[in-house]
Amino acid sequence: HSRKEILVEAIMTFGGLLLMLPIVALGDVFKYTNTPLNTGAYLVRRVEMFNSNDAPSSGSPGNGRSYIQLELMFTRTPKDTGSLETPAHISFATVAAEKLNIGLSEETNGEKKEYFCCTESIAAAGMNEACTKEKVNTLIIRNDPHTVQYSSVEFPAGSHVATSHSVNAKFPITRSGPHILVVSNCDPVLMDFNVEMNGTTVWMNPYGYLPATSYYFMPFYGTMALLYLALAVIWMILNALYWKDIVMLQNYITCVLGVCLIENMVLYFDYNSFNSTGHRNEVTLFLGAILTISRRTIARMLIMAVSIGFALVRPDLGKNKKHIINFGLLYFCVGLIQQILIDLGKVHTGIGDHWRTLLAIPVAAADSGCYWFVFISLYHLITMLRVRQQIVKLALYKSFTKVLVVSVVLATIFSIYHMIITARHQVLKHWRIWWFLDEGVWNIIFSVIFLAVCFLFRPSQAAKRYAYSQLATDMADDEYGLGELEDEEAAPLAGEELFSLGDDDLEPVVDKKTAKVD
């Protein structure tokens, strides 16, 4: 197939996978439509919350208050034997805990039985304090009683009022951490009815609708947008000063910088809108995911191009062009689906971690291949520059390699720490900093690498002329470009310093026979 056909097939395949993603509620105002809740069933929702005294900020629409509000309507439809003259009730509870402990188990004659609803017989037997006479026909919750708040809604007797009943309850948040809402139907009377639930649950923090685990993304992306804006201003000034000496690599850096700035601005306004309305805008969600994975893809392709000396040592990508383009297409398609699931998982607990883990495998494999390519290419490039004794370029790429090595070491440390926390199921214990471990640290590491690239390869006087003054020898016919230098090609242009991209303090090499490499 031609490259165009392959690209079309990749886009169609990605579109098909995207349509397979679940349709979910995007926000902290959760809607329920004709949700069944028959006897013995219960619904669970978990969101991390701040209390009023522990919140990082306070303002509209939360206005310093933190609560869970239920605005629900329950209907019961009789089955064959159901009677509307019989009263019944639905139970609610909020639990301030990382894990919901429900039910009791009993082993009789080698057979294990589990009970989720508190009955009169279990209460009379005194099997557990979670099931007492006062809690009959409610869900058995074995969490610390001080962390549980109970409520219920009654279906009164009488045919004119027994078919539906609404509830408007509010549970104040008294402690920061994960909070679990449980709606349960344990009333045996309702066994003869079909019960449905409609309405919304509102999870309000002192500053707005953002969950506690997602709040810090808003100031983080706002700060990053300002930093990228400042970097963009400085970069454009340098481009204006040395516009005659701009090389293609610096144009690519400008492109990546623009994507980074737009990405962080979109994500900031996305989280700000979510905090104000309680709903995640689908358009900005997918736009943010596309910008994020585009930035990650283009940045990796840029690093791969830099590692082979593109625009500074060689005028084109050569035989590596096809590999870099194919890598970019593969990484974008797989990474975009994973990024969408990550963004949905921040605000919707229904997104299974197994999907994210499954998609993380090809993304991690692609990243590993990228790192391998980069370091192998840098090794060959530095070897070539050392043999040719091109001191200025050698110092430049050695500095770039050091930045990458430090970044990889830091990334490895955080990855191991991340895996340990996940393997030990301690994610909820670290809910305050999980935003940083799961995503923030990777954005910071990328920013450090990108800032180093901008500094090392920034526009400077005579950059373009020096960069191409040695291309004839840099593009030798052997595998690593180790051709013989001509003396006149090794000398700098008359009256000019060598192409240093800012390293003007280094002395230019005049005689390759006396030059020494550190």
Protein backbone atom coordinates (compact mmCIF):
# COMPACT_ATOMS: atom_id res chain seq x y z
CA HIS A 1 0.00 0.00 0.00
CA SER A 2 1.01 3.62 -0.50
CA ARG A 3 1.73 5.80 2.52
CA LYS A 4 -1.55 7.66 1.90
CA GLU A 5 -3.55 4.40 1.97
CA ILE A 6 -1.81 3.30 5.16
CA LEU A 7 -2.64 6.64 6.78
CA VAL A 8 -6.32 6.39 5.76
CA GLU A 9 -6.53 2.82 7.12
CA ALA A 10 -4.96 3.93 10.42
CA ILE A 11 -7.46 6.79 10.77
CA MET A 12 -10.42 4.50 10.01
CA THR A 13 -9.18 1.90 12.50
CA PHE A 14 -8.73 4.55 15.17
CA GLY A 15 -12.20 5.96 14.50
CA GLY A 16 -13.73 2.52 14.94
CA LEU A 17 -11.97 2.02 18.25
CA LEU A 18 -13.03 5.47 19.40
CA LEU A 19 -16.68 4.65 18.76
CA MET A 20 -16.31 1.64 21.04
CA LEU A 21 -15.57 3.87 24.03
CA PRO A 22 -18.37 3.89 26.62
CA ILE A 23 -20.78 6.81 26.80
CA VAL A 24 -20.43 8.15 30.32
CA ALA A 25 -21.46 11.06 32.51
CA LEU A 26 -18.73 13.65 32.33
CA GLY A 27 -18.85 15.53 35.59
CA ASP A 28 -19.57 15.65 39.29
CA VAL A 29 -23.29 16.12 38.70
CA PHE A 30 -24.20 12.50 38.02
CA LYS A 31 -27.47 11.81 36.25
CA TYR A 32 -29.58 8.66 36.62
CA THR A 33 -32.28 7.76 34.11
CA ASN A 34 -34.60 4.80 34.74
CA THR A 35 -31.89 3.09 36.78
CA PRO A 36 -33.23 -0.23 38.17
CA LEU A 37 -32.97 -0.75 41.92
CA ASN A 38 -34.78 -3.96 42.76
CA THR A 39 -34.67 -5.65 46.16
CA GLY A 40 -31.16 -6.73 47.18
CA ALA A 41 -29.51 -4.28 44.78
CA TYR A 42 -27.35 -1.28 45.65
CA LEU A 43 -25.59 1.48 43.74
CA VAL A 44 -22.18 2.86 44.71
CA ARG A 45 -20.42 6.08 43.69
CA ARG A 46 -17.04 7.23 45.05
CA VAL A 47 -15.57 10.75 44.79
CA GLU A 48 -12.69 12.37 46.67
CA MET A 49 -13.82 15.45 48.62
CA PHE A 50 -12.34 18.29 50.70
CA ASN A 51 -14.01 19.55 53.84
CA SER A 52 -14.41 23.30 54.29
CA ASN A 53 -11.40 23.70 56.58
CA ASP A 54 -8.99 21.63 54.49
CA ALA A 55 -9.76 22.83 50.96
CA PRO A 56 -6.92 24.46 48.94
CA SER A 57 -9.28 27.29 47.92
CA SER A 58 -12.81 28.56 48.33
CA GLY A 59 -15.11 30.33 45.93
CA SER A 60 -18.07 30.12 43.59
CA PRO A 61 -20.01 27.92 43.11
CA GLY A 62 -19.09 26.03 46.29
CA ASN A 63 -18.75 29.22 48.34
CA GLY A 64 -16.84 27.44 51.09
CA ARG A 65 -19.39 24.64 51.55
CA SER A 66 -18.77 20.94 50.95
CA TYR A 67 -21.61 18.46 50.63
CA ILE A 68 -23.26 15.63 48.68
CA GLN A 69 -26.79 16.46 47.57
CA LEU A 70 -29.35 13.97 46.30
CA GLU A 71 -32.15 15.11 44.00
CA LEU A 72 -33.79 11.79 43.14
CA MET A 73 -37.18 10.40 42.22
CA PHE A 74 -38.07 6.75 42.94
CA THR A 75 -40.96 4.90 41.32
CA ARG A 76 -42.31 1.45 42.07
CA THR A 77 -44.41 -0.55 39.65
CA PRO A 78 -46.32 -3.55 41.08
CA LYS A 79 -45.64 -7.01 39.79
CA ASP A 80 -48.34 -9.65 39.88
CA THR A 81 -48.80 -9.62 43.67
CA GLY A 82 -47.56 -6.14 44.61
CA SER A 83 -49.92 -3.95 46.64
CA LEU A 84 -49.67 -0.17 46.70
CA GLU A 85 -51.31 -0.19 50.12
CA THR A 86 -48.08 -1.50 51.64
CA PRO A 87 -45.48 1.09 52.78
CA ALA A 88 -41.81 0.60 51.87
CA HIS A 89 -38.52 2.52 51.91
CA ILE A 90 -35.17 3.01 50.14
CA SER A 91 -31.98 3.60 52.17
CA PHE A 92 -29.07 6.00 51.59
CA ALA A 93 -25.68 6.25 53.23
CA THR A 94 -22.47 8.20 52.75
CA VAL A 95 -19.24 6.61 53.94
CA ALA A 96 -16.03 8.61 54.44
CA ALA A 97 -13.59 5.79 53.71
CA GLU A 98 -11.28 4.44 51.03
CA LYS A 99 -13.11 1.13 50.86
CA LEU A 100 -16.73 0.14 51.39
CA ASN A 101 -17.08 -2.88 53.69
CA ILE A 102 -20.51 -4.40 53.26
CA GLY A 103 -22.25 -7.65 54.10
CA LEU A 104 -21.69 -10.54 56.46
CA SER A 105 -20.68 -14.14 55.82
CA GLU A 106 -21.62 -17.27 57.72
CA GLU A 107 -20.47 -20.86 57.26
CA THR A 108 -23.00 -23.59 57.99
CA ASN A 109 -22.28 -27.28 57.41
CA GLY A 110 -19.32 -26.38 55.24
CA GLU A 111 -21.42 -24.06 53.12
CA LYS A 112 -20.60 -20.34 53.12
CA LYS A 113 -23.48 -17.89 52.96
CA GLU A 114 -23.25 -14.15 52.44
CA TYR A 115 -25.81 -11.58 53.57
CA PHE A 116 -25.88 -8.01 52.29
CA CYS A 117 -29.16 -6.82 53.81
CA CYS A 118 -29.87 -6.67 57.52
CA THR A 119 -32.85 -8.86 58.44
CA GLU A 120 -34.71 -9.41 61.70
CA SER A 121 -33.15 -12.86 62.13
CA ILE A 122 -29.59 -11.57 61.68
CA ALA A 123 -30.24 -8.69 64.09
CA ALA A 124 -31.72 -11.07 66.67
CA ALA A 125 -28.70 -13.38 66.37
CA GLY A 126 -26.36 -10.46 67.08
CA MET A 127 -23.93 -11.50 64.35
CA ASN A 128 -22.47 -8.01 63.98
CA GLU A 129 -23.06 -4.50 65.31
CA ALA A 130 -23.58 -3.37 61.75
CA CYS A 131 -26.95 -5.17 61.82
CA THR A 132 -29.10 -4.18 64.78
CA LYS A 133 -32.82 -3.87 65.34
CA GLU A 134 -32.69 -0.21 64.30
CA LYS A 135 -30.99 -1.11 60.99
CA VAL A 136 -33.31 -3.87 59.84
CA ASN A 137 -34.04 -3.73 56.08
CA THR A 138 -30.96 -1.64 55.36
CA LEU A 139 -27.65 -2.50 53.73
CA ILE A 140 -25.09 -3.96 56.16
CA ILE A 141 -22.20 -1.46 56.27
CA ARG A 142 -19.28 -2.58 58.46
CA ASN A 143 -17.25 0.63 58.21
CA ASP A 144 -16.52 2.75 61.28
CA PRO A 145 -19.95 4.08 62.43
CA HIS A 146 -18.42 7.54 62.89
CA THR A 147 -17.74 7.71 59.13
CA VAL A 148 -21.26 6.71 58.04
CA GLN A 149 -24.29 8.99 57.60
CA TYR A 150 -27.70 7.31 57.05
CA SER A 151 -30.95 8.49 55.51
CA SER A 152 -33.97 6.96 53.78
CA VAL A 153 -37.05 7.73 51.68
CA GLU A 154 -40.49 6.28 52.38
CA PHE A 155 -43.11 4.98 49.96
CA PRO A 156 -46.29 5.78 51.94
CA ALA A 157 -49.27 3.46 51.83
CA GLY A 158 -52.13 4.52 49.57
CA SER A 159 -52.62 4.10 45.86
CA HIS A 160 -52.55 7.84 45.15
CA VAL A 161 -49.08 8.43 46.69
CA ALA A 162 -47.44 5.01 46.68
CA THR A 163 -46.20 4.83 43.09
CA SER A 164 -43.42 7.44 43.34
CA HIS A 165 -41.58 9.52 45.86
CA SER A 166 -38.87 12.16 45.61
CA VAL A 167 -35.97 12.87 47.91
CA ASN A 168 -33.89 15.99 48.33
CA ALA A 169 -31.23 15.20 50.92
CA LYS A 170 -27.91 16.85 51.68
CA PHE A 171 -24.96 15.19 53.43
CA PRO A 172 -22.32 17.62 54.77
CA ILE A 173 -18.64 16.66 54.34
CA THR A 174 -16.88 16.69 57.69
CA ARG A 175 -13.56 15.15 56.71
CA SER A 176 -11.37 15.23 53.60
CA GLY A 177 -10.82 12.08 51.61
CA PRO A 178 -12.71 9.53 49.49
CA HIS A 179 -16.47 9.54 50.06
CA ILE A 180 -18.78 6.76 48.97
CA LEU A 181 -22.48 7.18 48.31
CA VAL A 182 -24.60 4.02 48.65
CA VAL A 183 -28.23 3.75 47.55
CA SER A 184 -29.73 0.39 48.52
CA ASN A 185 -33.03 -1.48 48.36
CA CYS A 186 -33.23 -4.00 51.19
CA ASP A 187 -36.94 -3.78 51.93
CA PRO A 188 -38.55 -7.22 51.37
CA VAL A 189 -41.87 -5.52 50.60
CA LEU A 190 -40.35 -4.17 47.38
CA MET A 191 -39.67 -7.70 46.12
CA ASP A 192 -43.09 -7.50 44.52
CA PHE A 193 -42.25 -4.27 42.70
CA ASN A 194 -39.99 -3.01 39.95
CA VAL A 195 -38.15 -0.01 41.37
CA GLU A 196 -36.48 2.66 39.23
CA MET A 197 -34.43 5.73 40.13
CA ASN A 198 -34.21 9.05 38.26
CA GLY A 199 -32.48 12.32 39.10
CA THR A 200 -29.03 13.62 39.97
CA THR A 201 -26.44 13.53 42.72
CA VAL A 202 -24.32 16.64 43.22
CA TRP A 203 -20.82 16.49 44.74
CA MET A 204 -19.84 20.00 45.78
CA ASN A 205 -16.41 21.02 47.09
CA PRO A 206 -15.73 24.40 48.77
CA TYR A 207 -14.31 25.77 45.49
CA GLY A 208 -16.70 24.11 43.03
CA TYR A 209 -17.49 20.83 41.31
CA LEU A 210 -13.97 19.54 40.61
CA PRO A 211 -13.16 16.33 42.53
CA ALA A 212 -10.37 16.72 45.06
CA THR A 213 -8.09 14.50 42.96
CA SER A 214 -8.57 16.73 39.90
CA TYR A 215 -8.54 20.18 41.49
CA TYR A 216 -4.79 20.74 41.26
CA PHE A 217 -4.85 20.23 37.50
CA MET A 218 -6.54 23.61 37.12
CA PRO A 219 -3.80 25.78 38.73
CA PHE A 220 -1.12 23.45 37.31
CA TYR A 221 -2.19 23.90 33.69
CA GLY A 222 -2.78 27.60 34.26
CA THR A 223 0.79 28.01 35.54
CA MET A 224 2.21 25.90 32.72
CA ALA A 225 0.31 28.00 30.15
CA LEU A 226 1.88 31.19 31.56
CA LEU A 227 5.36 29.62 31.51
CA TYR A 228 4.96 28.47 27.91
CA LEU A 229 3.65 31.91 26.98
CA ALA A 230 6.77 33.53 28.47
CA LEU A 231 8.98 30.99 26.66
CA ALA A 232 7.11 31.66 23.41
CA VAL A 233 7.71 35.41 23.71
CA ILE A 234 11.45 34.91 24.31
CA TRP A 235 11.67 32.35 21.48
CA MET A 236 9.92 34.64 19.01
CA ILE A 237 12.21 37.54 19.94
CA LEU A 238 15.24 35.35 19.20
CA ASN A 239 13.66 34.24 15.92
CA ALA A 240 13.09 37.88 14.97
CA LEU A 241 16.68 38.85 15.82
CA TYR A 242 18.27 35.98 13.88
CA TRP A 243 15.63 35.31 11.25
CA LYS A 244 18.24 35.02 8.48
CA ASP A 245 20.02 32.20 10.32
CA ILE A 246 17.02 30.05 11.27
CA VAL A 247 17.45 26.33 10.53
CA MET A 248 14.64 23.82 9.98
CA LEU A 249 15.09 22.30 13.45
CA GLN A 250 14.24 25.63 15.06
CA ASN A 251 11.05 25.83 13.00
CA TYR A 252 10.04 22.43 14.38
CA ILE A 253 10.77 23.64 17.90
CA THR A 254 8.47 26.61 17.24
CA CYS A 255 5.74 24.19 16.16
CA VAL A 256 6.08 22.10 19.33
CA LEU A 257 6.11 25.24 21.47
CA GLY A 258 2.88 26.42 19.87
CA VAL A 259 1.17 23.06 20.50
CA CYS A 260 2.35 23.10 24.14
CA LEU A 261 0.95 26.59 24.70
CA ILE A 262 -2.43 25.82 23.10
CA GLU A 263 -2.68 22.47 24.93
CA ASN A 264 -2.16 23.96 28.38
CA MET A 265 -4.54 26.84 27.71
CA VAL A 266 -7.28 24.46 26.51
CA LEU A 267 -6.81 22.15 29.50
CA TYR A 268 -6.89 25.06 31.94
CA PHE A 269 -10.17 26.42 30.53
CA ASP A 270 -11.54 22.86 30.39
CA TYR A 271 -10.98 22.29 34.10
CA ASN A 272 -12.15 25.82 34.95
CA SER A 273 -15.40 25.22 33.06
CA PHE A 274 -15.83 21.83 34.73
CA ASN A 275 -15.32 23.41 38.15
CA SER A 276 -17.98 26.04 37.43
CA THR A 277 -20.66 23.88 35.81
CA GLY A 278 -20.14 20.36 37.14
CA HIS A 279 -20.05 18.95 33.61
CA ARG A 280 -17.05 18.09 31.46
CA ASN A 281 -17.48 19.56 28.01
CA GLU A 282 -17.09 16.74 25.49
CA VAL A 283 -15.58 19.01 22.84
CA THR A 284 -12.83 20.40 25.07
CA LEU A 285 -12.25 16.94 26.56
CA PHE A 286 -11.47 15.39 23.18
CA LEU A 287 -9.69 18.51 21.94
CA GLY A 288 -7.47 18.45 25.04
CA ALA A 289 -6.74 14.75 24.51
CA ILE A 290 -5.87 15.33 20.84
CA LEU A 291 -3.57 18.26 21.72
CA THR A 292 -1.89 16.28 24.51
CA ILE A 293 -1.12 13.25 22.39
CA SER A 294 -0.16 15.50 19.44
CA ARG A 295 2.35 17.28 21.66
CA ARG A 296 3.72 14.00 22.96
CA THR A 297 3.97 12.55 19.45
CA ILE A 298 5.58 15.58 17.81
CA ALA A 299 7.98 16.02 20.73
CA ARG A 300 9.17 12.41 20.48
CA MET A 301 9.63 12.74 16.73
CA LEU A 302 11.57 15.96 17.34
CA ILE A 303 13.88 14.29 19.87
CA MET A 304 14.46 11.41 17.45
CA ALA A 305 15.34 13.89 14.70
CA VAL A 306 17.69 15.81 17.00
CA SER A 307 19.42 12.60 18.05
CA ILE A 308 20.54 11.85 14.47
CA GLY A 309 21.82 15.40 14.00
CA PHE A 310 19.03 16.64 11.74
CA ALA A 311 19.58 20.20 10.41
CA LEU A 312 22.86 20.60 12.31
CA VAL A 313 24.94 17.66 11.12
CA ARG A 314 22.83 16.37 8.23
CA PRO A 315 20.33 18.22 5.99
CA ASP A 316 17.59 15.56 6.07
CA LEU A 317 16.42 12.49 7.97
CA GLY A 318 17.69 10.07 5.34
CA LYS A 319 16.69 6.45 5.77
CA ASN A 320 15.31 7.25 9.27
CA LYS A 321 12.48 9.40 7.87
CA LYS A 322 10.20 6.43 7.25
CA HIS A 323 10.84 4.95 10.72
CA ILE A 324 10.13 8.26 12.48
CA ILE A 325 6.89 8.87 10.53
CA ASN A 326 5.61 5.32 11.15
CA PHE A 327 6.45 5.67 14.83
CA GLY A 328 4.51 8.94 15.00
CA LEU A 329 1.39 7.44 13.38
CA LEU A 330 1.40 4.38 15.65
CA TYR A 331 2.07 6.39 18.81
CA PHE A 332 -0.66 8.93 18.02
CA CYS A 333 -3.39 6.34 17.36
CA VAL A 334 -2.72 4.17 20.41
CA GLY A 335 -1.82 7.08 22.69
CA LEU A 336 -4.97 9.07 21.87
CA ILE A 337 -7.31 6.29 22.98
CA GLN A 338 -5.30 5.85 26.18
CA GLN A 339 -5.32 9.62 26.84
CA ILE A 340 -9.10 9.81 26.41
CA LEU A 341 -9.55 6.98 28.91
CA ILE A 342 -7.19 8.73 31.34
CA ASP A 343 -9.14 12.00 31.05
CA LEU A 344 -12.46 10.20 31.52
CA GLY A 345 -11.07 8.27 34.49
CA LYS A 346 -10.30 11.53 36.31
CA VAL A 347 -14.00 12.30 36.65
CA HIS A 348 -15.71 8.94 36.20
CA THR A 349 -14.96 5.93 38.37
CA GLY A 350 -16.75 3.65 35.88
CA ILE A 351 -13.74 3.67 33.57
CA GLY A 352 -11.99 0.39 34.27
CA ASP A 353 -8.29 0.51 35.06
CA HIS A 354 -7.80 -2.69 33.03
CA TRP A 355 -8.47 -0.79 29.78
CA ARG A 356 -5.93 1.86 30.69
CA THR A 357 -3.42 -0.83 31.67
CA LEU A 358 -4.02 -2.76 28.45
CA LEU A 359 -3.42 0.32 26.29
CA ALA A 360 -0.42 1.31 28.41
CA ILE A 361 1.47 -1.76 27.12
CA PRO A 362 1.80 -0.67 23.44
CA VAL A 363 2.42 2.95 24.53
CA ALA A 364 5.20 1.84 26.89
CA ALA A 365 6.67 -0.38 24.16
CA ALA A 366 6.66 2.55 21.73
CA ASP A 367 8.32 4.80 24.33
CA SER A 368 10.98 2.17 25.01
CA GLY A 369 11.69 1.87 21.29
CA CYS A 370 11.91 5.66 21.06
CA TYR A 371 14.41 5.88 23.93
CA TRP A 372 16.49 3.06 22.44
CA PHE A 373 16.57 4.78 19.05
CA VAL A 374 17.51 8.14 20.60
CA PHE A 375 20.38 6.90 22.74
CA ILE A 376 21.82 4.63 20.05
CA SER A 377 21.66 7.49 17.54
CA LEU A 378 23.26 9.92 19.99
CA TYR A 379 26.04 7.43 20.70
CA HIS A 380 26.88 7.13 16.99
CA LEU A 381 26.53 10.89 16.46
CA ILE A 382 28.83 11.77 19.36
CA THR A 383 31.33 9.15 18.17
CA MET A 384 31.36 10.74 14.73
CA LEU A 385 31.81 14.25 16.13
CA ARG A 386 34.59 13.08 18.42
CA VAL A 387 36.47 11.42 15.53
CA ARG A 388 36.11 14.56 13.45
CA GLN A 389 37.02 16.74 16.44
CA GLN A 390 34.10 19.09 15.91
CA ILE A 391 34.38 20.42 19.46
CA VAL A 392 31.45 22.85 19.52
CA LYS A 393 28.88 20.41 18.14
CA LEU A 394 30.29 17.66 20.33
CA ALA A 395 29.81 19.78 23.47
CA LEU A 396 26.28 20.63 22.33
CA TYR A 397 25.16 17.03 21.88
CA LYS A 398 26.94 15.85 25.02
CA SER A 399 24.96 18.43 27.01
CA PHE A 400 21.76 17.28 25.34
CA THR A 401 22.57 13.65 26.17
CA LYS A 402 23.16 14.54 29.84
CA VAL A 403 19.74 16.18 30.03
CA LEU A 404 18.09 13.08 28.55
CA VAL A 405 19.94 10.73 30.91
CA VAL A 406 18.92 12.73 33.99
CA SER A 407 15.32 12.82 32.74
CA VAL A 408 15.24 9.08 32.10
CA VAL A 409 16.63 8.39 35.59
CA LEU A 410 13.98 10.62 37.20
CA ALA A 411 11.25 9.06 35.06
CA THR A 412 12.40 5.57 36.07
CA ILE A 413 12.36 6.46 39.77
CA PHE A 414 8.84 7.89 39.58
CA SER A 415 7.67 4.93 37.47
CA ILE A 416 8.89 2.44 40.07
CA TYR A 417 7.28 4.46 42.86
CA HIS A 418 4.06 4.62 40.84
CA MET A 419 4.07 0.84 40.28
CA ILE A 420 4.73 0.14 43.97
CA ILE A 421 1.78 2.30 45.06
CA THR A 422 -0.47 0.72 42.46
CA ALA A 423 0.63 -2.86 43.27
CA ARG A 424 0.00 -2.28 46.98
CA HIS A 425 -3.43 -0.75 46.26
CA GLN A 426 -2.42 2.47 48.00
CA VAL A 427 -3.69 4.85 45.34
CA LEU A 428 -6.51 6.17 47.53
CA LYS A 429 -4.11 6.75 50.43
CA HIS A 430 -2.15 9.09 48.16
CA TRP A 431 -5.19 10.80 46.66
CA ARG A 432 -3.85 14.29 47.44
CA ILE A 433 -0.71 13.85 45.30
CA TRP A 434 -1.95 11.25 42.83
CA TRP A 435 -2.56 13.95 40.20
CA PHE A 436 1.18 14.70 40.36
CA LEU A 437 2.35 11.07 40.32
CA ASP A 438 -0.06 10.01 37.58
CA GLU A 439 0.37 12.93 35.20
CA GLY A 440 1.94 16.08 36.65
CA VAL A 441 5.46 14.70 36.99
CA TRP A 442 5.54 13.58 33.35
CA ASN A 443 4.52 17.05 32.17
CA ILE A 444 7.27 18.60 34.28
CA ILE A 445 9.92 16.17 32.98
CA PHE A 446 8.84 16.87 29.41
CA SER A 447 8.97 20.62 30.05
CA VAL A 448 12.51 20.34 31.42
CA ILE A 449 13.66 18.38 28.34
CA PHE A 450 11.92 20.79 26.00
CA LEU A 451 13.35 23.82 27.78
CA ALA A 452 16.83 22.29 27.45
CA VAL A 453 16.24 21.73 23.71
CA CYS A 454 15.11 25.34 23.32
CA PHE A 455 18.20 26.60 25.19
CA LEU A 456 20.75 24.39 23.47
CA PHE A 457 19.35 24.86 19.97
CA ARG A 458 18.21 28.46 20.24
CA PRO A 459 18.73 30.80 17.26
CA SER A 460 22.10 32.53 17.13
CA GLN A 461 24.23 34.54 14.71
CA ALA A 462 25.73 32.61 11.77
CA ALA A 463 24.03 29.40 12.96
CA LYS A 464 22.67 28.39 9.57
CA ARG A 465 25.87 29.12 7.67
CA TYR A 466 28.04 27.13 10.03
CA ALA A 467 25.57 24.28 10.29
CA TYR A 468 25.74 23.69 6.55
CA SER A 469 29.44 24.50 6.13
CA GLN A 470 30.32 20.93 7.13
CA LEU A 471 27.39 18.99 5.73
CA ALA A 472 29.49 17.65 2.87
CA THR A 473 31.62 15.70 5.30
CA ASP A 474 28.86 15.01 7.82
CA MET A 475 26.91 13.11 5.19
CA ALA A 476 29.59 10.51 4.40
CA ASP A 477 28.75 7.28 2.66
CA ASP A 478 29.59 4.94 5.53
CA GLU A 479 26.93 3.88 8.05
CA TYR A 480 27.77 6.43 10.73
CA GLY A 481 29.00 9.22 8.48
CA LEU A 482 32.68 8.85 9.46
CA GLY A 483 34.06 10.27 6.24
CA GLU A 484 37.35 12.11 5.96
CA LEU A 485 37.25 15.83 6.60
CA GLU A 486 38.76 18.25 4.20
CA ASP A 487 40.91 20.85 5.90
CA GLU A 488 39.13 23.74 4.29
CA GLU A 489 35.73 22.35 5.43
CA ALA A 490 36.90 21.99 9.01
CA ALA A 491 37.87 25.65 9.29
CA PRO A 492 35.31 28.27 10.36
CA LEU A 493 34.11 30.92 8.01
CA ALA A 494 36.36 33.94 7.82
CA GLY A 495 35.69 36.45 10.58
CA GLU A 496 32.88 34.33 12.14
CA GLU A 497 32.56 32.00 15.08
CA LEU A 498 31.45 28.43 14.65
CA PHE A 499 27.79 27.40 14.85
CA SER A 500 27.37 27.30 18.60
CA LEU A 501 23.64 27.91 19.10
CA GLY A 502 24.44 30.00 22.12
CA ASP A 503 27.73 28.41 23.16
CA ASP A 504 29.69 31.42 21.93
CA ASP A 505 32.10 31.15 24.87
CA LEU A 506 33.67 28.04 23.31
CA GLU A 507 36.71 28.65 21.14
CA PRO A 508 36.32 27.70 17.48
CA VAL A 509 38.42 24.83 16.16
CA VAL A 510 41.03 26.09 13.68
CA ASP A 511 43.36 23.10 13.46
CA LYS A 512 41.85 19.65 13.82
CA LYS A 513 45.29 18.08 14.34
CA THR A 514 45.88 19.95 17.59
CA ALA A 515 42.30 19.89 18.84
CA LYS A 516 41.57 17.78 21.88
CA VAL A 517 38.27 16.26 22.95
CA ASP A 518 37.31 15.97 26.61
